[in-house]
Amino acid sequence: MFKVDTRSRVAIYEQLIEQLKTMMIRNVLQEDEKLPSVRSLAQELTVNPNTIQKAYRELESEGFIYTIPGKGSFVSPLEINSNKDKLHSLRQDIEKTVKEFLFLGGSKDELIQWLNTIED
């Protein structure tokens, strides 16, 4: 279910965060679905449980998951209206990055192709 690259420069907890977000956005993980326990996921990936806990804490602070003490962590329902500020901020970041990409010689067609590959 999850893959971590221990040779990557990206921290393991960040890899997990990105994989979990992708799975939630693509509806692989449904809202209110229970996530693997910290201990079981740590054993499965052979990583320190603190690494998993850090990823779960980050996802919870961003609103992607919620925790019920004694029950576990669950996928939060995606609430479009509550994400307006975050979407606005991301839109500004993307706009800045796209402008830099174009300034450095990237083309609009390359950008569109790249966006199409992300959506798949």
PDB file of N, CA and C in Angstrom:
ATOM      1  N   MET A   1       0.827  -1.192   0.000  1.00  0.00           N
ATOM      2  CA  MET A   1       0.000   0.000   0.000  1.00  0.00           C
ATOM      3  C   MET A   1       0.870   1.255   0.000  1.00  0.00           C
ATOM      4  N   PHE A   2       1.883   1.287   0.857  1.00  0.00           N
ATOM      5  CA  PHE A   2       2.770   2.445   0.926  1.00  0.00           C
ATOM      6  C   PHE A   2       4.172   2.016   0.520  1.00  0.00           C
ATOM      7  N   LYS A   3       4.885   2.946  -0.106  1.00  0.00           N
ATOM      8  CA  LYS A   3       6.269   2.686  -0.466  1.00  0.00           C
ATOM      9  C   LYS A   3       7.102   3.865   0.008  1.00  0.00           C
ATOM     10  N   VAL A   4       8.207   3.575   0.674  1.00  0.00           N
ATOM     11  CA  VAL A   4       9.125   4.634   1.064  1.00  0.00           C
ATOM     12  C   VAL A   4      10.482   4.348   0.449  1.00  0.00           C
ATOM     13  N   ASP A   5      11.120   5.397   0.028  1.00  0.00           N
ATOM     14  CA  ASP A   5      12.451   5.305  -0.555  1.00  0.00           C
ATOM     15  C   ASP A   5      13.435   5.839   0.470  1.00  0.00           C
ATOM     16  N   THR A   6      14.154   4.930   1.111  1.00  0.00           N
ATOM     17  CA  THR A   6      15.086   5.346   2.163  1.00  0.00           C
ATOM     18  C   THR A   6      16.294   6.083   1.606  1.00  0.00           C
ATOM     19  N   ARG A   7      16.508   5.988   0.307  1.00  0.00           N
ATOM     20  CA  ARG A   7      17.638   6.696  -0.319  1.00  0.00           C
ATOM     21  C   ARG A   7      17.268   8.093  -0.794  1.00  0.00           C
ATOM     22  N   SER A   8      15.991   8.400  -0.755  1.00  0.00           N
ATOM     23  CA  SER A   8      15.516   9.698  -1.221  1.00  0.00           C
ATOM     24  C   SER A   8      15.962  10.802  -0.270  1.00  0.00           C
ATOM     25  N   ARG A   9      16.108  11.983  -0.818  1.00  0.00           N
ATOM     26  CA  ARG A   9      16.422  13.150   0.012  1.00  0.00           C
ATOM     27  C   ARG A   9      15.180  13.658   0.737  1.00  0.00           C
ATOM     28  N   VAL A  10      14.019  13.194   0.296  1.00  0.00           N
ATOM     29  CA  VAL A  10      12.759  13.580   0.931  1.00  0.00           C
ATOM     30  C   VAL A  10      12.580  12.716   2.175  1.00  0.00           C
ATOM     31  N   ALA A  11      12.298  13.366   3.287  1.00  0.00           N
ATOM     32  CA  ALA A  11      12.127  12.645   4.543  1.00  0.00           C
ATOM     33  C   ALA A  11      11.005  11.620   4.426  1.00  0.00           C
ATOM     34  N   ILE A  12      11.147  10.512   5.155  1.00  0.00           N
ATOM     35  CA  ILE A  12      10.166   9.433   5.091  1.00  0.00           C
ATOM     36  C   ILE A  12       8.778   9.923   5.484  1.00  0.00           C
ATOM     37  N   TYR A  13       8.684  10.746   6.527  1.00  0.00           N
ATOM     38  CA  TYR A  13       7.366  11.223   6.940  1.00  0.00           C
ATOM     39  C   TYR A  13       6.730  12.088   5.851  1.00  0.00           C
ATOM     40  N   GLU A  14       7.551  12.839   5.106  1.00  0.00           N
ATOM     41  CA  GLU A  14       7.021  13.664   4.015  1.00  0.00           C
ATOM     42  C   GLU A  14       6.546  12.779   2.861  1.00  0.00           C
ATOM     43  N   GLN A  15       7.265  11.696   2.598  1.00  0.00           N
ATOM     44  CA  GLN A  15       6.838  10.749   1.571  1.00  0.00           C
ATOM     45  C   GLN A  15       5.469  10.160   1.940  1.00  0.00           C
ATOM     46  N   LEU A  16       5.323   9.794   3.202  1.00  0.00           N
ATOM     47  CA  LEU A  16       4.052   9.231   3.671  1.00  0.00           C
ATOM     48  C   LEU A  16       2.920  10.244   3.542  1.00  0.00           C
ATOM     49  N   ILE A  17       3.185  11.476   3.933  1.00  0.00           N
ATOM     50  CA  ILE A  17       2.174  12.527   3.843  1.00  0.00           C
ATOM     51  C   ILE A  17       1.692  12.667   2.410  1.00  0.00           C
ATOM     52  N   GLU A  18       2.616  12.741   1.468  1.00  0.00           N
ATOM     53  CA  GLU A  18       2.247  12.914   0.060  1.00  0.00           C
ATOM     54  C   GLU A  18       1.457  11.719  -0.457  1.00  0.00           C
ATOM     55  N   GLN A  19       1.885  10.517  -0.081  1.00  0.00           N
ATOM     56  CA  GLN A  19       1.163   9.323  -0.529  1.00  0.00           C
ATOM     57  C   GLN A  19      -0.249   9.289   0.049  1.00  0.00           C
ATOM     58  N   LEU A  20      -0.381   9.607   1.314  1.00  0.00           N
ATOM     59  CA  LEU A  20      -1.708   9.605   1.944  1.00  0.00           C
ATOM     60  C   LEU A  20      -2.608  10.675   1.328  1.00  0.00           C
ATOM     61  N   LYS A  21      -2.067  11.871   1.104  1.00  0.00           N
ATOM     62  CA  LYS A  21      -2.873  12.929   0.483  1.00  0.00           C
ATOM     63  C   LYS A  21      -3.345  12.501  -0.899  1.00  0.00           C
ATOM     64  N   THR A  22      -2.447  11.909  -1.673  1.00  0.00           N
ATOM     65  CA  THR A  22      -2.799  11.454  -3.016  1.00  0.00           C
ATOM     66  C   THR A  22      -3.899  10.409  -2.958  1.00  0.00           C
ATOM     67  N   MET A  23      -3.776   9.473  -2.028  1.00  0.00           N
ATOM     68  CA  MET A  23      -4.788   8.421  -1.894  1.00  0.00           C
ATOM     69  C   MET A  23      -6.144   8.998  -1.478  1.00  0.00           C
ATOM     70  N   MET A  24      -6.125  10.042  -0.667  1.00  0.00           N
ATOM     71  CA  MET A  24      -7.379  10.669  -0.238  1.00  0.00           C
ATOM     72  C   MET A  24      -8.016  11.439  -1.390  1.00  0.00           C
ATOM     73  N   ILE A  25      -7.199  12.186  -2.104  1.00  0.00           N
ATOM     74  CA  ILE A  25      -7.709  13.000  -3.209  1.00  0.00           C
ATOM     75  C   ILE A  25      -8.271  12.122  -4.318  1.00  0.00           C
ATOM     76  N   ARG A  26      -7.643  10.971  -4.554  1.00  0.00           N
ATOM     77  CA  ARG A  26      -8.100  10.054  -5.603  1.00  0.00           C
ATOM     78  C   ARG A  26      -9.155   9.075  -5.104  1.00  0.00           C
ATOM     79  N   ASN A  27      -9.627   9.269  -3.894  1.00  0.00           N
ATOM     80  CA  ASN A  27     -10.672   8.446  -3.276  1.00  0.00           C
ATOM     81  C   ASN A  27     -10.276   6.985  -3.101  1.00  0.00           C
ATOM     82  N   VAL A  28      -8.983   6.713  -3.042  1.00  0.00           N
ATOM     83  CA  VAL A  28      -8.529   5.377  -2.676  1.00  0.00           C
ATOM     84  C   VAL A  28      -8.838   5.171  -1.198  1.00  0.00           C
ATOM     85  N   LEU A  29      -8.613   6.218  -0.420  1.00  0.00           N
ATOM     86  CA  LEU A  29      -9.019   6.237   0.983  1.00  0.00           C
ATOM     87  C   LEU A  29     -10.272   7.099   1.069  1.00  0.00           C
ATOM     88  N   GLN A  30     -11.360   6.504   1.523  1.00  0.00           N
ATOM     89  CA  GLN A  30     -12.645   7.192   1.607  1.00  0.00           C
ATOM     90  C   GLN A  30     -12.747   7.976   2.915  1.00  0.00           C
ATOM     91  N   GLU A  31     -13.623   8.968   2.937  1.00  0.00           N
ATOM     92  CA  GLU A  31     -13.824   9.731   4.168  1.00  0.00           C
ATOM     93  C   GLU A  31     -14.322   8.817   5.284  1.00  0.00           C
ATOM     94  N   ASP A  32     -13.837   9.086   6.473  1.00  0.00           N
ATOM     95  CA  ASP A  32     -14.124   8.327   7.691  1.00  0.00           C
ATOM     96  C   ASP A  32     -13.529   6.917   7.690  1.00  0.00           C
ATOM     97  N   GLU A  33     -12.687   6.608   6.693  1.00  0.00           N
ATOM     98  CA  GLU A  33     -12.011   5.307   6.673  1.00  0.00           C
ATOM     99  C   GLU A  33     -10.868   5.325   7.687  1.00  0.00           C
ATOM    100  N   LYS A  34     -10.708   4.231   8.395  1.00  0.00           N
ATOM    101  CA  LYS A  34      -9.665   4.131   9.416  1.00  0.00           C
ATOM    102  C   LYS A  34      -8.319   3.905   8.750  1.00  0.00           C
ATOM    103  N   LEU A  35      -7.333   4.670   9.185  1.00  0.00           N
ATOM    104  CA  LEU A  35      -5.961   4.504   8.696  1.00  0.00           C
ATOM    105  C   LEU A  35      -5.272   3.400   9.495  1.00  0.00           C
ATOM    106  N   PRO A  36      -4.215   2.813   8.941  1.00  0.00           N
ATOM    107  CA  PRO A  36      -3.468   1.815   9.704  1.00  0.00           C
ATOM    108  C   PRO A  36      -2.937   2.434  10.996  1.00  0.00           C
ATOM    109  N   SER A  37      -2.850   1.628  12.040  1.00  0.00           N
ATOM    110  CA  SER A  37      -2.314   2.144  13.304  1.00  0.00           C
ATOM    111  C   SER A  37      -0.849   2.514  13.117  1.00  0.00           C
ATOM    112  N   VAL A  38      -0.386   3.393  13.973  1.00  0.00           N
ATOM    113  CA  VAL A  38       1.011   3.827  13.913  1.00  0.00           C
ATOM    114  C   VAL A  38       1.934   2.620  14.021  1.00  0.00           C
ATOM    115  N   ARG A  39       1.657   1.775  14.971  1.00  0.00           N
ATOM    116  CA  ARG A  39       2.518   0.604  15.201  1.00  0.00           C
ATOM    117  C   ARG A  39       2.527  -0.342  14.004  1.00  0.00           C
ATOM    118  N   SER A  40       1.349  -0.660  13.464  1.00  0.00           N
ATOM    119  CA  SER A  40       1.295  -1.609  12.345  1.00  0.00           C
ATOM    120  C   SER A  40       1.949  -1.044  11.087  1.00  0.00           C
ATOM    121  N   LEU A  41       1.747   0.241  10.823  1.00  0.00           N
ATOM    122  CA  LEU A  41       2.362   0.849   9.645  1.00  0.00           C
ATOM    123  C   LEU A  41       3.874   0.941   9.814  1.00  0.00           C
ATOM    124  N   ALA A  42       4.333   1.233  11.019  1.00  0.00           N
ATOM    125  CA  ALA A  42       5.770   1.282  11.289  1.00  0.00           C
ATOM    126  C   ALA A  42       6.399  -0.093  11.064  1.00  0.00           C
ATOM    127  N   GLN A  43       5.718  -1.141  11.491  1.00  0.00           N
ATOM    128  CA  GLN A  43       6.235  -2.495  11.280  1.00  0.00           C
ATOM    129  C   GLN A  43       6.232  -2.860   9.800  1.00  0.00           C
ATOM    130  N   GLU A  44       5.160  -2.505   9.109  1.00  0.00           N
ATOM    131  CA  GLU A  44       5.044  -2.807   7.679  1.00  0.00           C
ATOM    132  C   GLU A  44       6.162  -2.141   6.883  1.00  0.00           C
ATOM    133  N   LEU A  45       6.467  -0.885   7.220  1.00  0.00           N
ATOM    134  CA  LEU A  45       7.472  -0.122   6.474  1.00  0.00           C
ATOM    135  C   LEU A  45       8.864  -0.225   7.086  1.00  0.00           C
ATOM    136  N   THR A  46       8.956  -0.891   8.217  1.00  0.00           N
ATOM    137  CA  THR A  46      10.203  -0.999   8.993  1.00  0.00           C
ATOM    138  C   THR A  46      10.834   0.374   9.240  1.00  0.00           C
ATOM    139  N   VAL A  47      10.014   1.259   9.788  1.00  0.00           N
ATOM    140  CA  VAL A  47      10.486   2.587  10.175  1.00  0.00           C
ATOM    141  C   VAL A  47      10.100   2.816  11.635  1.00  0.00           C
ATOM    142  N   ASN A  48      10.689   3.836  12.217  1.00  0.00           N
ATOM    143  CA  ASN A  48      10.403   4.185  13.598  1.00  0.00           C
ATOM    144  C   ASN A  48       8.950   4.667  13.723  1.00  0.00           C
ATOM    145  N   PRO A  49       8.226   4.200  14.728  1.00  0.00           N
ATOM    146  CA  PRO A  49       6.838   4.660  14.921  1.00  0.00           C
ATOM    147  C   PRO A  49       6.720   6.174  15.059  1.00  0.00           C
ATOM    148  N   ASN A  50       7.755   6.827  15.573  1.00  0.00           N
ATOM    149  CA  ASN A  50       7.719   8.294  15.685  1.00  0.00           C
ATOM    150  C   ASN A  50       7.603   8.955  14.314  1.00  0.00           C
ATOM    151  N   THR A  51       8.148   8.318  13.292  1.00  0.00           N
ATOM    152  CA  THR A  51       8.065   8.841  11.928  1.00  0.00           C
ATOM    153  C   THR A  51       6.615   8.824  11.449  1.00  0.00           C
ATOM    154  N   ILE A  52       5.931   7.727  11.710  1.00  0.00           N
ATOM    155  CA  ILE A  52       4.526   7.610  11.318  1.00  0.00           C
ATOM    156  C   ILE A  52       3.689   8.615  12.107  1.00  0.00           C
ATOM    157  N   GLN A  53       3.969   8.706  13.398  1.00  0.00           N
ATOM    158  CA  GLN A  53       3.236   9.638  14.260  1.00  0.00           C
ATOM    159  C   GLN A  53       3.399  11.073  13.776  1.00  0.00           C
ATOM    160  N   LYS A  54       4.603  11.419  13.347  1.00  0.00           N
ATOM    161  CA  LYS A  54       4.865  12.773  12.850  1.00  0.00           C
ATOM    162  C   LYS A  54       4.039  13.044  11.589  1.00  0.00           C
ATOM    163  N   ALA A  55       3.978  12.062  10.701  1.00  0.00           N
ATOM    164  CA  ALA A  55       3.190  12.221   9.472  1.00  0.00           C
ATOM    165  C   ALA A  55       1.706  12.382   9.810  1.00  0.00           C
ATOM    166  N   TYR A  56       1.208  11.554  10.718  1.00  0.00           N
ATOM    167  CA  TYR A  56      -0.199  11.647  11.108  1.00  0.00           C
ATOM    168  C   TYR A  56      -0.511  12.986  11.777  1.00  0.00           C
ATOM    169  N   ARG A  57       0.405  13.468  12.633  1.00  0.00           N
ATOM    170  CA  ARG A  57       0.192  14.769  13.293  1.00  0.00           C
ATOM    171  C   ARG A  57       0.109  15.885  12.260  1.00  0.00           C
ATOM    172  N   GLU A  58       1.010  15.843  11.286  1.00  0.00           N
ATOM    173  CA  GLU A  58       1.022  16.862  10.233  1.00  0.00           C
ATOM    174  C   GLU A  58      -0.280  16.821   9.430  1.00  0.00           C
ATOM    175  N   LEU A  59      -0.709  15.623   9.057  1.00  0.00           N
ATOM    176  CA  LEU A  59      -1.957  15.484   8.298  1.00  0.00           C
ATOM    177  C   LEU A  59      -3.153  15.967   9.110  1.00  0.00           C
ATOM    178  N   GLU A  60      -3.127  15.718  10.408  1.00  0.00           N
ATOM    179  CA  GLU A  60      -4.220  16.172  11.261  1.00  0.00           C
ATOM    180  C   GLU A  60      -4.229  17.689  11.362  1.00  0.00           C
ATOM    181  N   SER A  61      -3.046  18.296  11.482  1.00  0.00           N
ATOM    182  CA  SER A  61      -2.992  19.759  11.588  1.00  0.00           C
ATOM    183  C   SER A  61      -3.443  20.428  10.290  1.00  0.00           C
ATOM    184  N   GLU A  62      -3.283  19.727   9.160  1.00  0.00           N
ATOM    185  CA  GLU A  62      -3.722  20.261   7.872  1.00  0.00           C
ATOM    186  C   GLU A  62      -5.180  19.928   7.576  1.00  0.00           C
ATOM    187  N   GLY A  63      -5.810  19.136   8.449  1.00  0.00           N
ATOM    188  CA  GLY A  63      -7.221  18.824   8.282  1.00  0.00           C
ATOM    189  C   GLY A  63      -7.515  17.621   7.406  1.00  0.00           C
ATOM    190  N   PHE A  64      -6.503  16.845   7.031  1.00  0.00           N
ATOM    191  CA  PHE A  64      -6.733  15.685   6.181  1.00  0.00           C
ATOM    192  C   PHE A  64      -7.228  14.479   6.966  1.00  0.00           C
ATOM    193  N   ILE A  65      -6.857  14.389   8.233  1.00  0.00           N
ATOM    194  CA  ILE A  65      -7.306  13.275   9.062  1.00  0.00           C
ATOM    195  C   ILE A  65      -7.751  13.804  10.422  1.00  0.00           C
ATOM    196  N   TYR A  66      -8.451  12.972  11.164  1.00  0.00           N
ATOM    197  CA  TYR A  66      -8.805  13.289  12.543  1.00  0.00           C
ATOM    198  C   TYR A  66      -8.549  12.041  13.376  1.00  0.00           C
ATOM    199  N   THR A  67      -8.329  12.245  14.663  1.00  0.00           N
ATOM    200  CA  THR A  67      -8.008  11.148  15.564  1.00  0.00           C
ATOM    201  C   THR A  67      -9.044  11.059  16.663  1.00  0.00           C
ATOM    202  N   ILE A  68      -9.447   9.847  16.952  1.00  0.00           N
ATOM    203  CA  ILE A  68     -10.322   9.576  18.082  1.00  0.00           C
ATOM    204  C   ILE A  68      -9.484   8.769  19.069  1.00  0.00           C
ATOM    205  N   PRO A  69      -9.213   9.339  20.252  1.00  0.00           N
ATOM    206  CA  PRO A  69      -8.382   8.625  21.228  1.00  0.00           C
ATOM    207  C   PRO A  69      -8.932   7.224  21.515  1.00  0.00           C
ATOM    208  N   GLY A  70      -8.036   6.247  21.451  1.00  0.00           N
ATOM    209  CA  GLY A  70      -8.408   4.863  21.708  1.00  0.00           C
ATOM    210  C   GLY A  70      -9.003   4.143  20.508  1.00  0.00           C
ATOM    211  N   LYS A  71      -9.329   4.889  19.451  1.00  0.00           N
ATOM    212  CA  LYS A  71      -9.943   4.283  18.255  1.00  0.00           C
ATOM    213  C   LYS A  71      -9.000   4.313  17.058  1.00  0.00           C
ATOM    214  N   GLY A  72      -8.249   5.409  16.899  1.00  0.00           N
ATOM    215  CA  GLY A  72      -7.327   5.520  15.776  1.00  0.00           C
ATOM    216  C   GLY A  72      -7.510   6.801  14.993  1.00  0.00           C
ATOM    217  N   SER A  73      -6.882   6.814  13.831  1.00  0.00           N
ATOM    218  CA  SER A  73      -6.936   7.974  12.934  1.00  0.00           C
ATOM    219  C   SER A  73      -7.798   7.634  11.730  1.00  0.00           C
ATOM    220  N   PHE A  74      -8.554   8.635  11.276  1.00  0.00           N
ATOM    221  CA  PHE A  74      -9.515   8.442  10.204  1.00  0.00           C
ATOM    222  C   PHE A  74      -9.384   9.561   9.176  1.00  0.00           C
ATOM    223  N   VAL A  75      -9.798   9.271   7.935  1.00  0.00           N
ATOM    224  CA  VAL A  75      -9.778  10.259   6.855  1.00  0.00           C
ATOM    225  C   VAL A  75     -10.899  11.264   7.089  1.00  0.00           C
ATOM    226  N   SER A  76     -10.538  12.536   7.070  1.00  0.00           N
ATOM    227  CA  SER A  76     -11.531  13.603   7.243  1.00  0.00           C
ATOM    228  C   SER A  76     -12.351  13.779   5.968  1.00  0.00           C
ATOM    229  N   PRO A  77     -13.623  14.138   6.120  1.00  0.00           N
ATOM    230  CA  PRO A  77     -14.408  14.484   4.939  1.00  0.00           C
ATOM    231  C   PRO A  77     -13.818  15.741   4.297  1.00  0.00           C
ATOM    232  N   LEU A  78     -13.744  15.751   2.972  1.00  0.00           N
ATOM    233  CA  LEU A  78     -13.234  16.928   2.286  1.00  0.00           C
ATOM    234  C   LEU A  78     -14.319  17.991   2.266  1.00  0.00           C
ATOM    235  N   GLU A  79     -14.038  19.087   2.918  1.00  0.00           N
ATOM    236  CA  GLU A  79     -14.990  20.188   2.978  1.00  0.00           C
ATOM    237  C   GLU A  79     -14.470  21.318   2.105  1.00  0.00           C
ATOM    238  N   ILE A  80     -15.078  21.467   0.955  1.00  0.00           N
ATOM    239  CA  ILE A  80     -14.619  22.431  -0.033  1.00  0.00           C
ATOM    240  C   ILE A  80     -14.646  23.856   0.530  1.00  0.00           C
ATOM    241  N   ASN A  81     -15.714  24.244   1.191  1.00  0.00           N
ATOM    242  CA  ASN A  81     -15.839  25.624   1.673  1.00  0.00           C
ATOM    243  C   ASN A  81     -14.792  25.979   2.718  1.00  0.00           C
ATOM    244  N   SER A  82     -14.438  25.046   3.583  1.00  0.00           N
ATOM    245  CA  SER A  82     -13.476  25.363   4.630  1.00  0.00           C
ATOM    246  C   SER A  82     -12.052  25.447   4.086  1.00  0.00           C
ATOM    247  N   ASN A  83     -11.858  25.042   2.853  1.00  0.00           N
ATOM    248  CA  ASN A  83     -10.526  25.055   2.274  1.00  0.00           C
ATOM    249  C   ASN A  83     -10.275  26.273   1.388  1.00  0.00           C
ATOM    250  N   LYS A  84     -11.189  27.229   1.365  1.00  0.00           N
ATOM    251  CA  LYS A  84     -11.045  28.373   0.457  1.00  0.00           C
ATOM    252  C   LYS A  84      -9.764  29.150   0.701  1.00  0.00           C
ATOM    253  N   ASP A  85      -9.414  29.392   1.960  1.00  0.00           N
ATOM    254  CA  ASP A  85      -8.192  30.140   2.251  1.00  0.00           C
ATOM    255  C   ASP A  85      -6.964  29.372   1.796  1.00  0.00           C
ATOM    256  N   LYS A  86      -6.947  28.080   2.075  1.00  0.00           N
ATOM    257  CA  LYS A  86      -5.816  27.242   1.670  1.00  0.00           C
ATOM    258  C   LYS A  86      -5.710  27.194   0.148  1.00  0.00           C
ATOM    259  N   LEU A  87      -6.846  27.058  -0.542  1.00  0.00           N
ATOM    260  CA  LEU A  87      -6.839  27.035  -2.002  1.00  0.00           C
ATOM    261  C   LEU A  87      -6.332  28.352  -2.578  1.00  0.00           C
ATOM    262  N   HIS A  88      -6.736  29.444  -1.965  1.00  0.00           N
ATOM    263  CA  HIS A  88      -6.272  30.757  -2.424  1.00  0.00           C
ATOM    264  C   HIS A  88      -4.755  30.873  -2.266  1.00  0.00           C
ATOM    265  N   SER A  89      -4.259  30.434  -1.142  1.00  0.00           N
ATOM    266  CA  SER A  89      -2.818  30.469  -0.881  1.00  0.00           C
ATOM    267  C   SER A  89      -2.069  29.583  -1.875  1.00  0.00           C
ATOM    268  N   LEU A  90      -2.588  28.389  -2.114  1.00  0.00           N
ATOM    269  CA  LEU A  90      -1.943  27.482  -3.071  1.00  0.00           C
ATOM    270  C   LEU A  90      -1.970  28.066  -4.479  1.00  0.00           C
ATOM    271  N   ARG A  91      -3.077  28.689  -4.835  1.00  0.00           N
ATOM    272  CA  ARG A  91      -3.187  29.297  -6.163  1.00  0.00           C
ATOM    273  C   ARG A  91      -2.106  30.370  -6.350  1.00  0.00           C
ATOM    274  N   GLN A  92      -1.872  31.166  -5.317  1.00  0.00           N
ATOM    275  CA  GLN A  92      -0.837  32.189  -5.393  1.00  0.00           C
ATOM    276  C   GLN A  92       0.546  31.559  -5.541  1.00  0.00           C
ATOM    277  N   ASP A  93       0.798  30.491  -4.776  1.00  0.00           N
ATOM    278  CA  ASP A  93       2.086  29.789  -4.864  1.00  0.00           C
ATOM    279  C   ASP A  93       2.297  29.196  -6.255  1.00  0.00           C
ATOM    280  N   ILE A  94       1.241  28.582  -6.792  1.00  0.00           N
ATOM    281  CA  ILE A  94       1.340  27.969  -8.118  1.00  0.00           C
ATOM    282  C   ILE A  94       1.571  29.034  -9.175  1.00  0.00           C
ATOM    283  N   GLU A  95       0.862  30.143  -9.055  1.00  0.00           N
ATOM    284  CA  GLU A  95       1.034  31.234 -10.028  1.00  0.00           C
ATOM    285  C   GLU A  95       2.470  31.732 -10.029  1.00  0.00           C
ATOM    286  N   LYS A  96       3.039  31.902  -8.859  1.00  0.00           N
ATOM    287  CA  LYS A  96       4.425  32.356  -8.751  1.00  0.00           C
ATOM    288  C   LYS A  96       5.374  31.347  -9.394  1.00  0.00           C
ATOM    289  N   THR A  97       5.139  30.062  -9.120  1.00  0.00           N
ATOM    290  CA  THR A  97       5.994  29.019  -9.668  1.00  0.00           C
ATOM    291  C   THR A  97       5.862  28.927 -11.183  1.00  0.00           C
ATOM    292  N   VAL A  98       4.650  29.045 -11.703  1.00  0.00           N
ATOM    293  CA  VAL A  98       4.434  28.990 -13.152  1.00  0.00           C
ATOM    294  C   VAL A  98       5.139  30.160 -13.841  1.00  0.00           C
ATOM    295  N   LYS A  99       5.029  31.331 -13.257  1.00  0.00           N
ATOM    296  CA  LYS A  99       5.710  32.500 -13.840  1.00  0.00           C
ATOM    297  C   LYS A  99       7.213  32.280 -13.885  1.00  0.00           C
ATOM    298  N   GLU A 100       7.763  31.707 -12.820  1.00  0.00           N
ATOM    299  CA  GLU A 100       9.200  31.421 -12.783  1.00  0.00           C
ATOM    300  C   GLU A 100       9.560  30.370 -13.836  1.00  0.00           C
ATOM    301  N   PHE A 101       8.730  29.341 -13.969  1.00  0.00           N
ATOM    302  CA  PHE A 101       8.932  28.286 -14.964  1.00  0.00           C
ATOM    303  C   PHE A 101       8.977  28.882 -16.368  1.00  0.00           C
ATOM    304  N   LEU A 102       8.014  29.752 -16.675  1.00  0.00           N
ATOM    305  CA  LEU A 102       7.961  30.386 -17.995  1.00  0.00           C
ATOM    306  C   LEU A 102       9.141  31.324 -18.208  1.00  0.00           C
ATOM    307  N   PHE A 103       9.524  32.056 -17.181  1.00  0.00           N
ATOM    308  CA  PHE A 103      10.654  32.972 -17.261  1.00  0.00           C
ATOM    309  C   PHE A 103      11.952  32.226 -17.566  1.00  0.00           C
ATOM    310  N   LEU A 104      12.094  31.028 -16.996  1.00  0.00           N
ATOM    311  CA  LEU A 104      13.316  30.242 -17.180  1.00  0.00           C
ATOM    312  C   LEU A 104      13.336  29.454 -18.484  1.00  0.00           C
ATOM    313  N   GLY A 105      12.309  29.623 -19.314  1.00  0.00           N
ATOM    314  CA  GLY A 105      12.325  29.006 -20.631  1.00  0.00           C
ATOM    315  C   GLY A 105      11.357  27.858 -20.824  1.00  0.00           C
ATOM    316  N   GLY A 106      10.612  27.522 -19.816  1.00  0.00           N
ATOM    317  CA  GLY A 106       9.599  26.478 -19.973  1.00  0.00           C
ATOM    318  C   GLY A 106       8.469  26.989 -20.848  1.00  0.00           C
ATOM    319  N   SER A 107       7.803  26.061 -21.514  1.00  0.00           N
ATOM    320  CA  SER A 107       6.712  26.474 -22.395  1.00  0.00           C
ATOM    321  C   SER A 107       5.356  26.147 -21.773  1.00  0.00           C
ATOM    322  N   LYS A 108       4.355  26.819 -22.278  1.00  0.00           N
ATOM    323  CA  LYS A 108       2.995  26.588 -21.820  1.00  0.00           C
ATOM    324  C   LYS A 108       2.570  25.154 -22.138  1.00  0.00           C
ATOM    325  N   ASP A 109       2.966  24.654 -23.315  1.00  0.00           N
ATOM    326  CA  ASP A 109       2.619  23.286 -23.698  1.00  0.00           C
ATOM    327  C   ASP A 109       3.249  22.267 -22.749  1.00  0.00           C
ATOM    328  N   GLU A 110       4.503  22.490 -22.352  1.00  0.00           N
ATOM    329  CA  GLU A 110       5.158  21.595 -21.394  1.00  0.00           C
ATOM    330  C   GLU A 110       4.391  21.585 -20.074  1.00  0.00           C
ATOM    331  N   LEU A 111       3.971  22.743 -19.671  1.00  0.00           N
ATOM    332  CA  LEU A 111       3.238  22.883 -18.421  1.00  0.00           C
ATOM    333  C   LEU A 111       1.906  22.132 -18.484  1.00  0.00           C
ATOM    334  N   ILE A 112       1.202  22.258 -19.590  1.00  0.00           N
ATOM    335  CA  ILE A 112      -0.074  21.568 -19.767  1.00  0.00           C
ATOM    336  C   ILE A 112       0.134  20.057 -19.778  1.00  0.00           C
ATOM    337  N   GLN A 113       1.176  19.597 -20.474  1.00  0.00           N
ATOM    338  CA  GLN A 113       1.480  18.157 -20.481  1.00  0.00           C
ATOM    339  C   GLN A 113       1.765  17.660 -19.067  1.00  0.00           C
ATOM    340  N   TRP A 114       2.530  18.419 -18.336  1.00  0.00           N
ATOM    341  CA  TRP A 114       2.879  18.042 -16.968  1.00  0.00           C
ATOM    342  C   TRP A 114       1.619  17.970 -16.095  1.00  0.00           C
ATOM    343  N   LEU A 115       0.753  18.958 -16.216  1.00  0.00           N
ATOM    344  CA  LEU A 115      -0.498  18.963 -15.444  1.00  0.00           C
ATOM    345  C   LEU A 115      -1.363  17.747 -15.785  1.00  0.00           C
ATOM    346  N   ASN A 116      -1.387  17.379 -17.056  1.00  0.00           N
ATOM    347  CA  ASN A 116      -2.164  16.208 -17.460  1.00  0.00           C
ATOM    348  C   ASN A 116      -1.610  14.923 -16.854  1.00  0.00           C
ATOM    349  N   THR A 117      -0.299  14.823 -16.694  1.00  0.00           N
ATOM    350  CA  THR A 117       0.276  13.615 -16.107  1.00  0.00           C
ATOM    351  C   THR A 117      -0.018  13.541 -14.609  1.00  0.00           C
ATOM    352  N   ILE A 118      -0.103  14.686 -13.962  1.00  0.00           N
ATOM    353  CA  ILE A 118      -0.400  14.710 -12.524  1.00  0.00           C
ATOM    354  C   ILE A 118      -1.828  14.242 -12.281  1.00  0.00           C
ATOM    355  N   GLU A 119      -2.743  14.633 -13.125  1.00  0.00           N
ATOM    356  CA  GLU A 119      -4.147  14.322 -12.949  1.00  0.00           C
ATOM    357  C   GLU A 119      -4.438  12.822 -13.074  1.00  0.00           C
ATOM    358  N   ASP A 120      -3.613  12.116 -13.819  1.00  0.00           N
ATOM    359  CA  ASP A 120      -3.844  10.674 -14.045  1.00  0.00           C
ATOM    360  C   ASP A 120      -3.651   9.854 -12.830  1.00  0.00           C
TER     361      ASP A 120
END
